[in-house]
């Protein structure tokens, strides 16, 4: 955090070079800036702030605090098109460390339908209680909902075109035009330390931001709850 603040000072003083939009977005999330502060940061970097009508990639301070305070629960925050933006240490304990991936690789839909084996492995192999086909269809329907909400976002249009071209299955799910929001599931995750654990996976929508807050939980006292606690202790996650 101190290094982030120092970098911000150098940026405002014109001593930080020319950072990319991805670097600025990451810095804004790290410093938990609100939208006004974020836009100022973009301008200091010589960049235009994200335009209205674009998918919001900014994690609001309140959401960031929620992720931090749910320390013993795996939590990840995704954009409307399922880019992983923020996560806590328990998310890393359950999955892999997302920092091994570039920001574009941290997309759940791309990991599921794309050709990047590294990205797919980072989200850990899993089974959905409703079936992988149902889960895939729900994600595609959610992406279509985002496309309706953000019709002017060029990155989203490119993202959809990329997946439709690369994956015939994605295209077959996209073509019917079904619109929905993926909300919850029950997943069995394969993990090298505990073999398998089955968790409730709930998706909460952060009001006013369209962020997807993904939370994994297990019933208190269950074997899966004990496995989660084992992962917390084994990876040194402090509560």
C-alpha atoms as a PDB file:
ATOM      1  CA  UNK A   1       0.000   0.000   0.000  1.00  0.00           C
ATOM      2  CA  UNK A   2       2.815   2.425   0.850  1.00  0.00           C
ATOM      3  CA  UNK A   3       4.407   1.753  -2.523  1.00  0.00           C
ATOM      4  CA  UNK A   4       1.033   2.448  -4.179  1.00  0.00           C
ATOM      5  CA  UNK A   5       0.741   5.794  -2.383  1.00  0.00           C
ATOM      6  CA  UNK A   6       4.323   6.696  -3.340  1.00  0.00           C
ATOM      7  CA  UNK A   7       3.581   5.812  -6.955  1.00  0.00           C
ATOM      8  CA  UNK A   8       0.452   7.998  -6.848  1.00  0.00           C
ATOM      9  CA  UNK A   9       2.483  10.954  -5.584  1.00  0.00           C
ATOM     10  CA  UNK A  10       5.050  10.482  -8.371  1.00  0.00           C
ATOM     11  CA  UNK A  11       2.232  10.179 -10.896  1.00  0.00           C
ATOM     12  CA  UNK A  12       0.677  13.471  -9.802  1.00  0.00           C
ATOM     13  CA  UNK A  13       4.105  15.101 -10.014  1.00  0.00           C
ATOM     14  CA  UNK A  14       4.661  13.766 -13.513  1.00  0.00           C
ATOM     15  CA  UNK A  15       7.529  11.481 -12.445  1.00  0.00           C
ATOM     16  CA  UNK A  16       5.929   8.069 -13.070  1.00  0.00           C
ATOM     17  CA  UNK A  17       6.189   7.669 -16.826  1.00  0.00           C
ATOM     18  CA  UNK A  18       3.139   6.613 -18.810  1.00  0.00           C
ATOM     19  CA  UNK A  19       1.281   3.768 -17.072  1.00  0.00           C
ATOM     20  CA  UNK A  20      -1.304   1.720 -18.964  1.00  0.00           C
ATOM     21  CA  UNK A  21      -5.021   1.877 -18.235  1.00  0.00           C
ATOM     22  CA  UNK A  22      -4.777  -1.575 -16.616  1.00  0.00           C
ATOM     23  CA  UNK A  23      -2.059  -0.367 -14.223  1.00  0.00           C
ATOM     24  CA  UNK A  24      -4.112   2.709 -13.303  1.00  0.00           C
ATOM     25  CA  UNK A  25      -7.241   0.608 -12.725  1.00  0.00           C
ATOM     26  CA  UNK A  26      -5.294  -1.770 -10.488  1.00  0.00           C
ATOM     27  CA  UNK A  27      -3.834   1.153  -8.531  1.00  0.00           C
ATOM     28  CA  UNK A  28      -7.297   2.681  -8.052  1.00  0.00           C
ATOM     29  CA  UNK A  29      -8.561  -0.616  -6.632  1.00  0.00           C
ATOM     30  CA  UNK A  30      -5.533  -0.978  -4.358  1.00  0.00           C
ATOM     31  CA  UNK A  31      -6.062   2.518  -2.944  1.00  0.00           C
ATOM     32  CA  UNK A  32      -9.861   2.004  -2.722  1.00  0.00           C
ATOM     33  CA  UNK A  33     -10.546   5.253  -4.582  1.00  0.00           C
ATOM     34  CA  UNK A  34     -14.077   6.423  -5.253  1.00  0.00           C
ATOM     35  CA  UNK A  35     -15.135   7.272  -8.817  1.00  0.00           C
ATOM     36  CA  UNK A  36     -14.117  10.937  -8.619  1.00  0.00           C
ATOM     37  CA  UNK A  37     -10.686  10.074  -7.239  1.00  0.00           C
ATOM     38  CA  UNK A  38     -10.307   7.304  -9.811  1.00  0.00           C
ATOM     39  CA  UNK A  39     -11.089   9.674 -12.692  1.00  0.00           C
ATOM     40  CA  UNK A  40      -8.510  12.157 -11.333  1.00  0.00           C
ATOM     41  CA  UNK A  41      -5.942   9.370 -11.280  1.00  0.00           C
ATOM     42  CA  UNK A  42      -6.632   8.527 -14.918  1.00  0.00           C
ATOM     43  CA  UNK A  43      -6.161  12.159 -15.915  1.00  0.00           C
ATOM     44  CA  UNK A  44      -2.892  12.382 -13.966  1.00  0.00           C
ATOM     45  CA  UNK A  45      -1.708   9.410 -16.015  1.00  0.00           C
ATOM     46  CA  UNK A  46      -2.637  11.180 -19.245  1.00  0.00           C
ATOM     47  CA  UNK A  47      -5.563   8.813 -19.855  1.00  0.00           C
ATOM     48  CA  UNK A  48      -9.265   9.381 -20.368  1.00  0.00           C
ATOM     49  CA  UNK A  49     -11.400   8.092 -17.488  1.00  0.00           C
ATOM     50  CA  UNK A  50     -13.688   5.154 -18.332  1.00  0.00           C
ATOM     51  CA  UNK A  51     -16.601   6.449 -20.391  1.00  0.00           C
ATOM     52  CA  UNK A  52     -20.213   6.180 -19.348  1.00  0.00           C
ATOM     53  CA  UNK A  53     -21.759   3.112 -20.914  1.00  0.00           C
ATOM     54  CA  UNK A  54     -18.621   1.025 -20.438  1.00  0.00           C
ATOM     55  CA  UNK A  55     -18.412  -1.941 -18.097  1.00  0.00           C
ATOM     56  CA  UNK A  56     -17.362  -0.719 -14.673  1.00  0.00           C
ATOM     57  CA  UNK A  57     -14.030  -2.269 -13.663  1.00  0.00           C
ATOM     58  CA  UNK A  58     -13.760  -0.216 -10.473  1.00  0.00           C
ATOM     59  CA  UNK A  59     -14.219  -1.935  -7.109  1.00  0.00           C
ATOM     60  CA  UNK A  60     -15.883   0.556  -4.777  1.00  0.00           C
ATOM     61  CA  UNK A  61     -14.311   1.028  -1.317  1.00  0.00           C
ATOM     62  CA  UNK A  62     -17.300  -0.587   0.430  1.00  0.00           C
ATOM     63  CA  UNK A  63     -17.018  -3.717  -1.703  1.00  0.00           C
ATOM     64  CA  UNK A  64     -13.252  -3.818  -1.158  1.00  0.00           C
ATOM     65  CA  UNK A  65     -13.788  -3.663   2.617  1.00  0.00           C
ATOM     66  CA  UNK A  66     -16.315  -6.500   2.401  1.00  0.00           C
ATOM     67  CA  UNK A  67     -13.763  -8.688   0.606  1.00  0.00           C
ATOM     68  CA  UNK A  68     -11.152  -7.948   3.270  1.00  0.00           C
ATOM     69  CA  UNK A  69     -13.420  -8.461   6.283  1.00  0.00           C
ATOM     70  CA  UNK A  70     -14.734 -11.829   5.131  1.00  0.00           C
ATOM     71  CA  UNK A  71     -11.267 -13.151   5.889  1.00  0.00           C
ATOM     72  CA  UNK A  72     -12.162 -16.793   6.508  1.00  0.00           C
ATOM     73  CA  UNK A  73     -14.419 -17.030   3.440  1.00  0.00           C
ATOM     74  CA  UNK A  74     -13.234 -17.236  -0.188  1.00  0.00           C
ATOM     75  CA  UNK A  75     -14.496 -14.088  -1.931  1.00  0.00           C
ATOM     76  CA  UNK A  76     -13.828 -12.820  -5.440  1.00  0.00           C
ATOM     77  CA  UNK A  77     -15.195  -9.738  -7.197  1.00  0.00           C
ATOM     78  CA  UNK A  78     -15.949  -9.923 -10.918  1.00  0.00           C
ATOM     79  CA  UNK A  79     -16.990  -7.375 -13.512  1.00  0.00           C
ATOM     80  CA  UNK A  80     -20.237  -7.728 -15.462  1.00  0.00           C
ATOM     81  CA  UNK A  81     -18.372  -9.770 -18.090  1.00  0.00           C
ATOM     82  CA  UNK A  82     -16.670 -11.937 -15.454  1.00  0.00           C
ATOM     83  CA  UNK A  83     -13.203 -10.429 -15.219  1.00  0.00           C
ATOM     84  CA  UNK A  84     -11.778 -11.173 -11.760  1.00  0.00           C
ATOM     85  CA  UNK A  85     -10.955  -7.773 -10.265  1.00  0.00           C
ATOM     86  CA  UNK A  86     -10.370  -8.377  -6.566  1.00  0.00           C
ATOM     87  CA  UNK A  87     -10.037 -11.302  -4.165  1.00  0.00           C
ATOM     88  CA  UNK A  88      -8.974 -12.157  -0.627  1.00  0.00           C
ATOM     89  CA  UNK A  89      -6.328 -14.655   0.614  1.00  0.00           C
ATOM     90  CA  UNK A  90      -8.915 -17.405   1.099  1.00  0.00           C
ATOM     91  CA  UNK A  91      -9.804 -17.145  -2.592  1.00  0.00           C
ATOM     92  CA  UNK A  92      -6.135 -17.836  -3.340  1.00  0.00           C
ATOM     93  CA  UNK A  93      -6.150 -20.759  -0.889  1.00  0.00           C
ATOM     94  CA  UNK A  94      -9.179 -22.288  -2.619  1.00  0.00           C
ATOM     95  CA  UNK A  95      -8.127 -21.568  -6.196  1.00  0.00           C
ATOM     96  CA  UNK A  96      -4.703 -20.359  -7.333  1.00  0.00           C
ATOM     97  CA  UNK A  97      -3.025 -16.959  -7.114  1.00  0.00           C
ATOM     98  CA  UNK A  98      -4.624 -14.842  -9.888  1.00  0.00           C
ATOM     99  CA  UNK A  99      -1.509 -12.649 -10.083  1.00  0.00           C
ATOM    100  CA  UNK A 100       0.187 -15.386 -12.148  1.00  0.00           C
ATOM    101  CA  UNK A 101      -2.216 -14.350 -14.923  1.00  0.00           C
ATOM    102  CA  UNK A 102      -2.444 -11.123 -16.887  1.00  0.00           C
ATOM    103  CA  UNK A 103      -5.671  -9.130 -16.318  1.00  0.00           C
ATOM    104  CA  UNK A 104      -7.269 -10.357 -19.584  1.00  0.00           C
ATOM    105  CA  UNK A 105      -6.539 -13.968 -18.570  1.00  0.00           C
ATOM    106  CA  UNK A 106      -8.458 -13.503 -15.292  1.00  0.00           C
ATOM    107  CA  UNK A 107     -11.770 -13.906 -17.039  1.00  0.00           C
ATOM    108  CA  UNK A 108     -13.913 -16.838 -15.926  1.00  0.00           C
ATOM    109  CA  UNK A 109     -15.770 -17.110 -19.241  1.00  0.00           C
ATOM    110  CA  UNK A 110     -12.565 -17.026 -21.265  1.00  0.00           C
ATOM    111  CA  UNK A 111     -11.061 -19.649 -18.929  1.00  0.00           C
ATOM    112  CA  UNK A 112     -14.082 -21.905 -19.447  1.00  0.00           C
ATOM    113  CA  UNK A 113     -14.471 -21.510 -23.220  1.00  0.00           C
ATOM    114  CA  UNK A 114     -11.027 -20.354 -24.356  1.00  0.00           C
ATOM    115  CA  UNK A 115      -7.819 -22.188 -25.183  1.00  0.00           C
ATOM    116  CA  UNK A 116      -5.739 -20.962 -22.249  1.00  0.00           C
ATOM    117  CA  UNK A 117      -4.996 -24.003 -20.065  1.00  0.00           C
ATOM    118  CA  UNK A 118      -3.140 -21.893 -17.487  1.00  0.00           C
ATOM    119  CA  UNK A 119      -6.162 -19.653 -16.936  1.00  0.00           C
ATOM    120  CA  UNK A 120      -8.469 -22.660 -16.690  1.00  0.00           C
ATOM    121  CA  UNK A 121      -6.229 -24.352 -14.102  1.00  0.00           C
ATOM    122  CA  UNK A 122      -6.054 -21.173 -12.003  1.00  0.00           C
ATOM    123  CA  UNK A 123      -9.817 -21.300 -11.437  1.00  0.00           C
ATOM    124  CA  UNK A 124      -9.410 -24.961 -10.337  1.00  0.00           C
ATOM    125  CA  UNK A 125     -11.326 -27.834 -11.968  1.00  0.00           C
ATOM    126  CA  UNK A 126     -14.853 -28.124 -10.579  1.00  0.00           C
ATOM    127  CA  UNK A 127     -18.220 -29.790 -11.046  1.00  0.00           C
ATOM    128  CA  UNK A 128     -21.483 -27.894 -10.903  1.00  0.00           C
ATOM    129  CA  UNK A 129     -24.455 -29.456  -9.104  1.00  0.00           C
ATOM    130  CA  UNK A 130     -26.666 -28.374 -11.997  1.00  0.00           C
ATOM    131  CA  UNK A 131     -24.246 -29.763 -14.581  1.00  0.00           C
ATOM    132  CA  UNK A 132     -21.442 -28.038 -16.446  1.00  0.00           C
ATOM    133  CA  UNK A 133     -23.724 -27.443 -19.421  1.00  0.00           C
ATOM    134  CA  UNK A 134     -26.210 -25.524 -17.276  1.00  0.00           C
ATOM    135  CA  UNK A 135     -23.394 -23.511 -15.695  1.00  0.00           C
ATOM    136  CA  UNK A 136     -21.920 -22.658 -19.105  1.00  0.00           C
ATOM    137  CA  UNK A 137     -25.321 -21.619 -20.452  1.00  0.00           C
ATOM    138  CA  UNK A 138     -25.935 -19.432 -17.375  1.00  0.00           C
ATOM    139  CA  UNK A 139     -22.611 -17.633 -17.850  1.00  0.00           C
ATOM    140  CA  UNK A 140     -23.284 -17.000 -21.535  1.00  0.00           C
ATOM    141  CA  UNK A 141     -26.771 -15.696 -20.730  1.00  0.00           C
ATOM    142  CA  UNK A 142     -25.172 -13.376 -18.157  1.00  0.00           C
ATOM    143  CA  UNK A 143     -22.693 -12.117 -20.776  1.00  0.00           C
ATOM    144  CA  UNK A 144     -25.584 -11.407 -23.132  1.00  0.00           C
ATOM    145  CA  UNK A 145     -27.274  -9.455 -20.335  1.00  0.00           C
ATOM    146  CA  UNK A 146     -24.080  -7.399 -20.002  1.00  0.00           C
ATOM    147  CA  UNK A 147     -24.046  -6.822 -23.766  1.00  0.00           C
ATOM    148  CA  UNK A 148     -27.595  -5.458 -23.575  1.00  0.00           C
ATOM    149  CA  UNK A 149     -26.689  -3.229 -20.624  1.00  0.00           C
ATOM    150  CA  UNK A 150     -23.425  -1.990 -22.170  1.00  0.00           C
ATOM    151  CA  UNK A 151     -24.020  -1.939 -25.946  1.00  0.00           C
ATOM    152  CA  UNK A 152     -21.350   0.728 -26.510  1.00  0.00           C
ATOM    153  CA  UNK A 153     -18.516  -1.044 -24.703  1.00  0.00           C
ATOM    154  CA  UNK A 154     -15.996  -1.938 -27.457  1.00  0.00           C
ATOM    155  CA  UNK A 155     -14.002  -4.354 -25.300  1.00  0.00           C
ATOM    156  CA  UNK A 156     -17.138  -6.401 -24.569  1.00  0.00           C
ATOM    157  CA  UNK A 157     -18.020  -6.623 -28.266  1.00  0.00           C
ATOM    158  CA  UNK A 158     -14.468  -7.762 -29.068  1.00  0.00           C
ATOM    159  CA  UNK A 159     -14.622 -10.271 -26.212  1.00  0.00           C
ATOM    160  CA  UNK A 160     -17.840 -11.832 -27.523  1.00  0.00           C
ATOM    161  CA  UNK A 161     -16.578 -11.908 -31.127  1.00  0.00           C
ATOM    162  CA  UNK A 162     -13.379 -13.610 -29.955  1.00  0.00           C
ATOM    163  CA  UNK A 163     -15.229 -16.377 -28.116  1.00  0.00           C
ATOM    164  CA  UNK A 164     -17.810 -16.906 -30.872  1.00  0.00           C
ATOM    165  CA  UNK A 165     -14.984 -17.318 -33.381  1.00  0.00           C
ATOM    166  CA  UNK A 166     -12.817 -19.592 -31.220  1.00  0.00           C
ATOM    167  CA  UNK A 167     -15.468 -21.792 -29.613  1.00  0.00           C
ATOM    168  CA  UNK A 168     -18.420 -23.313 -31.466  1.00  0.00           C
ATOM    169  CA  UNK A 169     -20.030 -24.330 -28.172  1.00  0.00           C
ATOM    170  CA  UNK A 170     -20.014 -20.726 -26.921  1.00  0.00           C
ATOM    171  CA  UNK A 171     -21.485 -19.611 -30.254  1.00  0.00           C
ATOM    172  CA  UNK A 172     -24.242 -22.233 -30.004  1.00  0.00           C
ATOM    173  CA  UNK A 173     -25.175 -20.933 -26.549  1.00  0.00           C
ATOM    174  CA  UNK A 174     -24.972 -17.297 -27.668  1.00  0.00           C
ATOM    175  CA  UNK A 175     -27.135 -17.631 -30.790  1.00  0.00           C
ATOM    176  CA  UNK A 176     -30.521 -18.289 -29.073  1.00  0.00           C
ATOM    177  CA  UNK A 177     -30.301 -14.861 -27.409  1.00  0.00           C
ATOM    178  CA  UNK A 178     -31.196 -15.943 -23.873  1.00  0.00           C
ATOM    179  CA  UNK A 179     -30.651 -13.207 -21.266  1.00  0.00           C
ATOM    180  CA  UNK A 180     -30.233 -14.033 -17.564  1.00  0.00           C
ATOM    181  CA  UNK A 181     -28.028 -13.332 -14.548  1.00  0.00           C
ATOM    182  CA  UNK A 182     -25.972 -16.146 -13.023  1.00  0.00           C
ATOM    183  CA  UNK A 183     -26.672 -16.023  -9.279  1.00  0.00           C
ATOM    184  CA  UNK A 184     -25.806 -19.185  -7.388  1.00  0.00           C
ATOM    185  CA  UNK A 185     -24.594 -22.750  -7.690  1.00  0.00           C
ATOM    186  CA  UNK A 186     -23.173 -25.609  -5.678  1.00  0.00           C
ATOM    187  CA  UNK A 187     -19.710 -26.611  -6.773  1.00  0.00           C
ATOM    188  CA  UNK A 188     -17.403 -29.512  -6.070  1.00  0.00           C
ATOM    189  CA  UNK A 189     -13.837 -28.231  -6.433  1.00  0.00           C
ATOM    190  CA  UNK A 190     -10.809 -30.439  -6.954  1.00  0.00           C
ATOM    191  CA  UNK A 191      -7.961 -29.277  -4.721  1.00  0.00           C
ATOM    192  CA  UNK A 192      -4.536 -30.920  -4.365  1.00  0.00           C
ATOM    193  CA  UNK A 193      -4.489 -30.472  -0.579  1.00  0.00           C
ATOM    194  CA  UNK A 194      -7.980 -31.754   0.296  1.00  0.00           C
ATOM    195  CA  UNK A 195      -8.923 -33.693  -2.853  1.00  0.00           C
ATOM    196  CA  UNK A 196     -12.511 -32.462  -3.184  1.00  0.00           C
ATOM    197  CA  UNK A 197     -14.757 -30.079  -1.297  1.00  0.00           C
ATOM    198  CA  UNK A 198     -18.337 -29.140  -2.115  1.00  0.00           C
ATOM    199  CA  UNK A 199     -19.337 -25.552  -1.407  1.00  0.00           C
ATOM    200  CA  UNK A 200     -22.298 -23.256  -1.903  1.00  0.00           C
ATOM    201  CA  UNK A 201     -21.297 -20.607  -4.420  1.00  0.00           C
ATOM    202  CA  UNK A 202     -23.469 -17.499  -4.194  1.00  0.00           C
ATOM    203  CA  UNK A 203     -23.254 -14.521  -6.529  1.00  0.00           C
ATOM    204  CA  UNK A 204     -24.309 -11.157  -5.099  1.00  0.00           C
ATOM    205  CA  UNK A 205     -24.759  -8.074  -7.267  1.00  0.00           C
ATOM    206  CA  UNK A 206     -23.242  -4.926  -5.716  1.00  0.00           C
ATOM    207  CA  UNK A 207     -25.928  -2.202  -6.046  1.00  0.00           C
ATOM    208  CA  UNK A 208     -25.016   0.645  -8.360  1.00  0.00           C
ATOM    209  CA  UNK A 209     -21.916  -1.006  -9.770  1.00  0.00           C
ATOM    210  CA  UNK A 210     -23.013  -4.242 -11.499  1.00  0.00           C
ATOM    211  CA  UNK A 211     -20.128  -6.090  -9.854  1.00  0.00           C
ATOM    212  CA  UNK A 212     -20.523  -9.804  -9.139  1.00  0.00           C
ATOM    213  CA  UNK A 213     -19.375 -10.705  -5.616  1.00  0.00           C
ATOM    214  CA  UNK A 214     -18.764 -14.465  -5.532  1.00  0.00           C
ATOM    215  CA  UNK A 215     -18.769 -16.079  -2.076  1.00  0.00           C
ATOM    216  CA  UNK A 216     -18.003 -19.717  -1.236  1.00  0.00           C
ATOM    217  CA  UNK A 217     -19.397 -21.143   2.016  1.00  0.00           C
ATOM    218  CA  UNK A 218     -19.976 -24.501   3.691  1.00  0.00           C
ATOM    219  CA  UNK A 219     -22.433 -25.503   6.411  1.00  0.00           C
ATOM    220  CA  UNK A 220     -20.964 -25.074   9.904  1.00  0.00           C
ATOM    221  CA  UNK A 221     -19.577 -28.314  11.297  1.00  0.00           C
ATOM    222  CA  UNK A 222     -19.621 -30.109   7.947  1.00  0.00           C
ATOM    223  CA  UNK A 223     -16.669 -32.013   6.501  1.00  0.00           C
ATOM    224  CA  UNK A 224     -16.371 -29.374   3.771  1.00  0.00           C
ATOM    225  CA  UNK A 225     -16.262 -26.611   6.396  1.00  0.00           C
ATOM    226  CA  UNK A 226     -13.400 -28.458   8.088  1.00  0.00           C
ATOM    227  CA  UNK A 227     -11.590 -28.700   4.756  1.00  0.00           C
ATOM    228  CA  UNK A 228     -11.954 -24.948   4.237  1.00  0.00           C
ATOM    229  CA  UNK A 229     -10.545 -24.360   7.719  1.00  0.00           C
ATOM    230  CA  UNK A 230      -7.650 -26.713   6.924  1.00  0.00           C
ATOM    231  CA  UNK A 231      -6.842 -24.673   3.814  1.00  0.00           C
ATOM    232  CA  UNK A 232      -6.953 -21.466   5.850  1.00  0.00           C
ATOM    233  CA  UNK A 233      -4.526 -22.793   8.450  1.00  0.00           C
ATOM    234  CA  UNK A 234      -2.269 -24.561   5.930  1.00  0.00           C
ATOM    235  CA  UNK A 235      -1.833 -21.406   3.834  1.00  0.00           C
ATOM    236  CA  UNK A 236      -1.415 -19.111   6.850  1.00  0.00           C
ATOM    237  CA  UNK A 237      -4.504 -16.973   6.228  1.00  0.00           C
ATOM    238  CA  UNK A 238      -5.146 -14.812   9.265  1.00  0.00           C
ATOM    239  CA  UNK A 239      -8.741 -14.181  10.328  1.00  0.00           C
END
